[in-house]
């Protein structure tokens, strides 16, 4: 009775060592009950010892977040987006004002395609005039808008990248940076191609057709600068299409096998785009415009094949 008297009773009157009437367990048996096999480990990975000694040594792993990510609510994102739009508008207005200040100095540069072709036609009058009261104002506003947009585009792209970058992983950032650089390079390449090659060819063909038909040329400044603006910016935008193809291949929407299979259809589509973009319907200008587009199409197929190869390697490593 000594052993029973040393035990404490629970609220039901049983001694704390008793278990379903099988008798009282001793200290050695209690210790064996607490022992667990390795298969009974808790489903949490062990982490480093925390600063708090009372903290549990087992805790669920915290999700890894980007160093650029900031915890923000919905309205905070809207506020930041408003700031990006405001800064972009300010950058555009400043660049448009700069273009407006130097518009008289840039007239000689913008007239280069016309003056360059006119050297081969001594009898051709290169003077540009206006036929309405508001045409000169429309021309200046158009030059400021498109020139300011062209100058401010790298700055606007930088502001957009700052807004989007916190939501991207490091792997996605490595893909976005060369994509932005390539987009800027292709746009400038297309604009330069149009200004130094396509626009002079258009002017030359227009002069020859006027002379062949015995027509007197009365070109206005508004018509010339409108044609120059849309041709340069349109060609620069069309030169971005290889990036669209590569992006669709990366997303799995297209494949290089599909692009090679429908190569002839792509050639027809390129000539249709050339017919829409070029201001003259002659086949010479369309061919000049379509040739680099087809070259870019072939380059996009080569780059897309490398993208697919890297995706297969990454899928196999996973």
Protein backbone atom coordinates (compact mmCIF):
# COMPACT_ATOMS: atom_id res chain seq x y z
CA UNK A 1 0.00 0.00 0.00
CA UNK A 2 3.04 2.23 0.25
CA UNK A 3 3.40 2.42 -3.49
CA UNK A 4 -0.25 3.34 -3.93
CA UNK A 5 -0.15 6.00 -1.26
CA UNK A 6 2.71 7.84 -2.97
CA UNK A 7 0.63 8.36 -6.14
CA UNK A 8 -1.78 11.20 -6.75
CA UNK A 9 -5.31 10.45 -7.81
CA UNK A 10 -6.94 12.04 -10.87
CA UNK A 11 -10.47 13.53 -10.77
CA UNK A 12 -11.91 10.04 -11.48
CA UNK A 13 -10.21 8.51 -8.46
CA UNK A 14 -7.61 6.57 -10.44
CA UNK A 15 -3.95 6.87 -9.65
CA UNK A 16 -2.02 8.78 -12.31
CA UNK A 17 0.11 5.76 -13.13
CA UNK A 18 -2.83 3.45 -13.87
CA UNK A 19 -3.92 2.65 -17.44
CA UNK A 20 -7.17 0.77 -18.14
CA UNK A 21 -6.78 -1.48 -15.12
CA UNK A 22 -3.43 -2.92 -16.27
CA UNK A 23 -1.64 -1.78 -13.19
CA UNK A 24 0.63 1.05 -12.33
CA UNK A 25 3.57 1.88 -14.60
CA UNK A 26 6.92 2.57 -13.10
CA UNK A 27 9.31 5.38 -14.03
CA UNK A 28 11.16 3.17 -16.55
CA UNK A 29 7.92 2.25 -18.30
CA UNK A 30 6.86 5.91 -18.46
CA UNK A 31 10.14 6.81 -20.13
CA UNK A 32 9.72 4.04 -22.69
CA UNK A 33 6.28 5.34 -23.60
CA UNK A 34 7.76 8.74 -24.49
CA UNK A 35 10.32 7.19 -26.79
CA UNK A 36 9.36 7.51 -30.49
CA UNK A 37 10.70 5.83 -33.57
CA UNK A 38 12.27 7.87 -36.39
CA UNK A 39 9.13 7.31 -38.44
CA UNK A 40 7.05 9.24 -35.89
CA UNK A 41 8.89 12.57 -36.51
CA UNK A 42 6.62 15.59 -36.91
CA UNK A 43 5.96 16.70 -40.51
CA UNK A 44 7.96 19.91 -40.10
CA UNK A 45 11.51 20.56 -41.15
CA UNK A 46 13.94 21.46 -38.42
CA UNK A 47 15.12 25.04 -38.57
CA UNK A 48 17.97 26.89 -36.95
CA UNK A 49 17.67 27.68 -33.27
CA UNK A 50 15.62 30.84 -32.80
CA UNK A 51 16.53 33.66 -30.50
CA UNK A 52 13.60 32.80 -28.26
CA UNK A 53 14.56 29.73 -26.13
CA UNK A 54 10.87 28.89 -25.62
CA UNK A 55 10.17 28.71 -29.39
CA UNK A 56 9.51 25.36 -30.99
CA UNK A 57 12.49 23.80 -32.82
CA UNK A 58 10.10 22.73 -35.60
CA UNK A 59 8.33 25.30 -37.76
CA UNK A 60 6.97 25.40 -41.32
CA UNK A 61 9.32 26.92 -43.87
CA UNK A 62 8.50 30.51 -44.75
CA UNK A 63 7.97 31.30 -48.46
CA UNK A 64 10.98 32.91 -50.13
CA UNK A 65 10.11 36.40 -51.35
CA UNK A 66 12.03 38.70 -53.62
CA UNK A 67 14.14 41.42 -52.07
CA UNK A 68 12.34 43.89 -54.38
CA UNK A 69 8.88 42.87 -53.20
CA UNK A 70 7.07 45.23 -50.85
CA UNK A 71 3.92 44.21 -48.98
CA UNK A 72 1.22 46.48 -50.37
CA UNK A 73 -2.54 46.53 -50.50
CA UNK A 74 -4.79 47.07 -53.50
CA UNK A 75 -5.15 50.82 -53.05
CA UNK A 76 -1.41 51.17 -52.45
CA UNK A 77 -0.80 49.50 -55.82
CA UNK A 78 -3.31 51.89 -57.43
CA UNK A 79 -1.51 54.82 -55.82
CA UNK A 80 1.86 53.61 -57.08
CA UNK A 81 0.40 53.10 -60.56
CA UNK A 82 -0.90 56.65 -60.47
CA UNK A 83 2.61 57.84 -59.61
CA UNK A 84 4.06 55.90 -62.56
CA UNK A 85 1.51 57.41 -64.95
CA UNK A 86 2.12 60.90 -63.56
CA UNK A 87 5.90 60.59 -63.94
CA UNK A 88 5.49 59.22 -67.47
CA UNK A 89 3.26 62.14 -68.47
CA UNK A 90 5.74 64.62 -67.00
CA UNK A 91 8.61 62.97 -68.91
CA UNK A 92 6.58 63.08 -72.13
CA UNK A 93 5.67 66.75 -71.68
CA UNK A 94 9.30 67.71 -71.01
CA UNK A 95 10.53 65.80 -74.08
CA UNK A 96 7.77 67.27 -76.26
CA UNK A 97 8.73 70.76 -75.07
CA UNK A 98 12.38 70.07 -75.95
CA UNK A 99 11.33 69.00 -79.44
CA UNK A 100 9.22 72.15 -79.77
CA UNK A 101 12.13 74.39 -78.76
CA UNK A 102 14.48 72.82 -81.33
CA UNK A 103 11.87 72.22 -84.05
CA UNK A 104 13.32 74.93 -86.29
CA UNK A 105 16.82 73.48 -85.92
CA UNK A 106 15.57 69.96 -86.66
CA UNK A 107 13.78 70.93 -89.88
CA UNK A 108 16.98 70.47 -91.90
CA UNK A 109 17.46 66.98 -90.47
CA UNK A 110 13.85 65.98 -91.13
CA UNK A 111 14.10 67.23 -94.71
CA UNK A 112 17.15 65.04 -95.41
CA UNK A 113 15.28 62.30 -97.37
CA UNK A 114 13.74 64.94 -99.63
CA UNK A 115 16.94 66.96 -100.14
CA UNK A 116 19.02 63.81 -100.67
CA UNK A 117 16.80 62.62 -103.53
CA UNK A 118 16.35 66.10 -105.00
CA UNK A 119 20.07 66.25 -105.85
CA UNK A 120 19.41 63.81 -108.68
CA UNK A 121 16.59 65.99 -110.03
CA UNK A 122 17.90 69.56 -110.50
CA UNK A 123 14.61 70.77 -111.96
CA UNK A 124 12.61 69.56 -108.96
CA UNK A 125 11.44 72.24 -106.56
CA UNK A 126 12.03 71.07 -102.98
CA UNK A 127 10.20 73.96 -101.33
CA UNK A 128 7.40 72.87 -99.01
CA UNK A 129 4.41 75.10 -98.38
CA UNK A 130 1.09 75.19 -96.61
CA UNK A 131 -2.36 75.45 -98.14
CA UNK A 132 -4.39 76.25 -95.03
CA UNK A 133 -4.14 78.62 -92.11
CA UNK A 134 -3.88 75.91 -89.40
CA UNK A 135 -1.63 73.49 -91.27
CA UNK A 136 1.57 74.85 -89.77
CA UNK A 137 0.17 74.53 -86.24
CA UNK A 138 -0.96 70.97 -86.91
CA UNK A 139 2.48 70.12 -88.27
CA UNK A 140 4.30 71.52 -85.24
CA UNK A 141 1.96 69.77 -82.77
CA UNK A 142 2.40 66.50 -84.63
CA UNK A 143 6.20 66.79 -84.56
CA UNK A 144 6.18 67.63 -80.84
CA UNK A 145 3.85 64.75 -79.93
CA UNK A 146 5.61 62.03 -81.87
CA UNK A 147 9.09 63.39 -81.22
CA UNK A 148 8.39 63.70 -77.50
CA UNK A 149 6.97 60.18 -77.39
CA UNK A 150 10.07 58.84 -79.15
CA UNK A 151 12.45 60.63 -76.77
CA UNK A 152 10.48 59.75 -73.64
CA UNK A 153 9.95 56.07 -74.50
CA UNK A 154 13.13 54.83 -72.71
CA UNK A 155 12.21 56.84 -69.60
CA UNK A 156 8.62 55.58 -69.64
CA UNK A 157 9.88 52.02 -70.09
CA UNK A 158 12.12 52.49 -67.05
CA UNK A 159 9.21 53.70 -64.90
CA UNK A 160 7.08 50.74 -66.00
CA UNK A 161 9.90 48.30 -65.19
CA UNK A 162 10.19 49.80 -61.71
CA UNK A 163 6.47 49.20 -61.14
CA UNK A 164 6.47 45.62 -62.46
CA UNK A 165 9.84 44.38 -61.15
CA UNK A 166 8.73 43.62 -57.54
CA UNK A 167 6.29 41.01 -58.86
CA UNK A 168 8.91 39.23 -60.98
CA UNK A 169 11.31 36.53 -59.87
CA UNK A 170 15.04 36.75 -60.49
CA UNK A 171 14.71 34.33 -63.40
CA UNK A 172 12.00 36.44 -65.00
CA UNK A 173 14.06 39.60 -64.48
CA UNK A 174 16.95 37.98 -66.34
CA UNK A 175 14.60 37.41 -69.27
CA UNK A 176 12.91 40.83 -69.14
CA UNK A 177 16.10 42.93 -69.22
CA UNK A 178 17.43 41.61 -72.56
CA UNK A 179 13.86 41.71 -73.91
CA UNK A 180 13.59 45.44 -73.21
CA UNK A 181 17.02 46.14 -74.70
CA UNK A 182 16.14 44.11 -77.79
CA UNK A 183 12.83 45.94 -78.17
CA UNK A 184 14.54 49.34 -78.05
CA UNK A 185 17.24 48.19 -80.48
CA UNK A 186 14.73 46.79 -83.00
CA UNK A 187 12.60 49.92 -82.84
CA UNK A 188 15.58 52.18 -83.49
CA UNK A 189 16.77 49.85 -86.26
CA UNK A 190 13.38 49.97 -87.97
CA UNK A 191 13.16 53.74 -87.63
CA UNK A 192 16.65 54.24 -89.07
CA UNK A 193 15.91 51.83 -91.93
CA UNK A 194 12.77 53.77 -92.79
CA UNK A 195 14.37 57.22 -92.53
CA UNK A 196 17.57 56.52 -94.47
CA UNK A 197 16.33 53.99 -97.02
CA UNK A 198 12.57 53.60 -97.26
CA UNK A 199 11.58 57.29 -97.19
CA UNK A 200 14.12 58.35 -99.86
CA UNK A 201 12.92 55.49 -102.06
CA UNK A 202 9.32 56.65 -101.62
CA UNK A 203 10.23 60.23 -102.53
CA UNK A 204 12.22 59.11 -105.59
CA UNK A 205 9.37 57.00 -106.95
CA UNK A 206 6.87 59.82 -106.33
CA UNK A 207 9.05 62.31 -108.25
CA UNK A 208 9.51 59.94 -111.20
CA UNK A 209 5.79 59.21 -111.41
CA UNK A 210 4.95 62.92 -111.36
CA UNK A 211 7.47 63.63 -114.11
CA UNK A 212 6.32 60.66 -116.19
CA UNK A 213 2.72 61.87 -116.08
CA UNK A 214 3.69 65.51 -116.59
CA UNK A 215 2.25 66.62 -113.27
CA UNK A 216 3.42 69.61 -111.28
CA UNK A 217 4.48 68.74 -107.74
CA UNK A 218 2.87 70.82 -105.02
CA UNK A 219 3.83 69.06 -101.86
CA UNK A 220 2.87 70.62 -98.57
CA UNK A 221 4.80 70.50 -95.34
CA UNK A 222 1.89 68.81 -93.57
CA UNK A 223 1.70 65.95 -96.09
CA UNK A 224 5.46 65.41 -96.12
CA UNK A 225 5.91 65.33 -92.34
CA UNK A 226 2.79 63.20 -91.86
CA UNK A 227 4.16 60.62 -94.31
CA UNK A 228 7.60 60.76 -92.71
CA UNK A 229 6.23 60.36 -89.15
CA UNK A 230 3.92 57.44 -89.82
CA UNK A 231 6.44 55.66 -92.03
CA UNK A 232 9.27 55.94 -89.49
CA UNK A 233 7.21 55.05 -86.42
CA UNK A 234 5.24 52.35 -88.24
CA UNK A 235 8.38 50.65 -89.49
CA UNK A 236 9.94 50.82 -86.04
CA UNK A 237 6.86 49.19 -84.53
CA UNK A 238 6.70 46.45 -87.19
CA UNK A 239 10.35 45.57 -86.54
CA UNK A 240 9.24 44.43 -83.06
CA UNK A 241 7.39 41.38 -84.41
CA UNK A 242 10.31 38.91 -83.85
CA UNK A 243 9.98 39.52 -80.10
CA UNK A 244 6.27 38.68 -80.31
CA UNK A 245 7.07 35.40 -82.07
CA UNK A 246 9.74 34.48 -79.51
CA UNK A 247 7.37 35.31 -76.64
CA UNK A 248 4.63 33.11 -78.11
CA UNK A 249 7.11 30.24 -78.53
CA UNK A 250 8.26 30.70 -74.92
CA UNK A 251 4.63 30.57 -73.75
CA UNK A 252 4.02 27.43 -75.80
CA UNK A 253 1.44 29.02 -78.12
CA UNK A 254 3.66 28.57 -81.20
CA UNK A 255 6.48 26.19 -82.08
CA UNK A 256 9.40 26.34 -84.47
CA UNK A 257 7.97 23.39 -86.36
CA UNK A 258 4.78 25.40 -86.97
CA UNK A 259 6.80 28.44 -88.12
CA UNK A 260 8.86 26.37 -90.56
CA UNK A 261 5.79 24.60 -91.88
CA UNK A 262 3.96 27.84 -92.68
CA UNK A 263 6.97 29.81 -93.91
CA UNK A 264 5.34 30.50 -97.30
CA UNK A 265 2.24 31.87 -95.61
CA UNK A 266 4.48 34.13 -93.53
CA UNK A 267 6.06 35.54 -96.71
CA UNK A 268 2.63 36.43 -98.08
CA UNK A 269 1.66 38.04 -94.78
CA UNK A 270 4.89 40.07 -94.76
CA UNK A 271 4.12 41.48 -98.22
CA UNK A 272 0.59 42.32 -97.09
CA UNK A 273 2.02 44.25 -94.13
CA UNK A 274 4.45 45.98 -96.48
CA UNK A 275 1.57 47.01 -98.74
CA UNK A 276 -0.27 48.51 -95.76
CA UNK A 277 2.70 50.33 -94.21
CA UNK A 278 4.36 51.75 -97.34
CA UNK A 279 2.69 54.90 -98.70
CA UNK A 280 3.25 53.98 -102.37
CA UNK A 281 1.81 50.87 -104.05
CA UNK A 282 4.90 50.17 -106.20
CA UNK A 283 6.51 46.73 -105.80
CA UNK A 284 10.02 48.18 -105.39
CA UNK A 285 9.23 49.97 -102.12
CA UNK A 286 7.27 46.98 -100.85
CA UNK A 287 10.16 44.64 -101.60
CA UNK A 288 12.62 46.97 -99.85
CA UNK A 289 10.36 46.93 -96.83
CA UNK A 290 9.59 43.18 -96.92
CA UNK A 291 13.20 41.96 -97.29
CA UNK A 292 14.40 42.89 -93.76
CA UNK A 293 11.12 41.66 -92.29
CA UNK A 294 11.66 38.22 -93.78
CA UNK A 295 15.25 38.24 -92.49
CA UNK A 296 13.96 39.06 -89.01
CA UNK A 297 11.43 36.23 -89.34
CA UNK A 298 14.22 33.72 -90.03
CA UNK A 299 16.23 35.09 -87.11
CA UNK A 300 13.21 34.70 -84.85
CA UNK A 301 12.95 31.02 -85.88
CA UNK A 302 16.60 30.43 -84.92
CA UNK A 303 16.19 32.17 -81.57
CA UNK A 304 12.91 30.32 -80.92
CA UNK A 305 14.63 26.97 -81.50
CA UNK A 306 17.17 27.86 -78.81
CA UNK A 307 14.34 28.84 -76.48
CA UNK A 308 12.65 25.48 -77.00
CA UNK A 309 15.94 23.67 -76.43
CA UNK A 310 16.47 25.45 -73.12
CA UNK A 311 12.91 24.63 -72.07
CA UNK A 312 13.49 20.93 -72.80
CA UNK A 313 16.75 20.97 -70.83
CA UNK A 314 15.09 22.71 -67.87
CA UNK A 315 12.16 20.25 -68.00
CA UNK A 316 14.53 17.30 -68.03
CA UNK A 317 16.56 18.66 -65.12
CA UNK A 318 13.37 19.11 -63.10
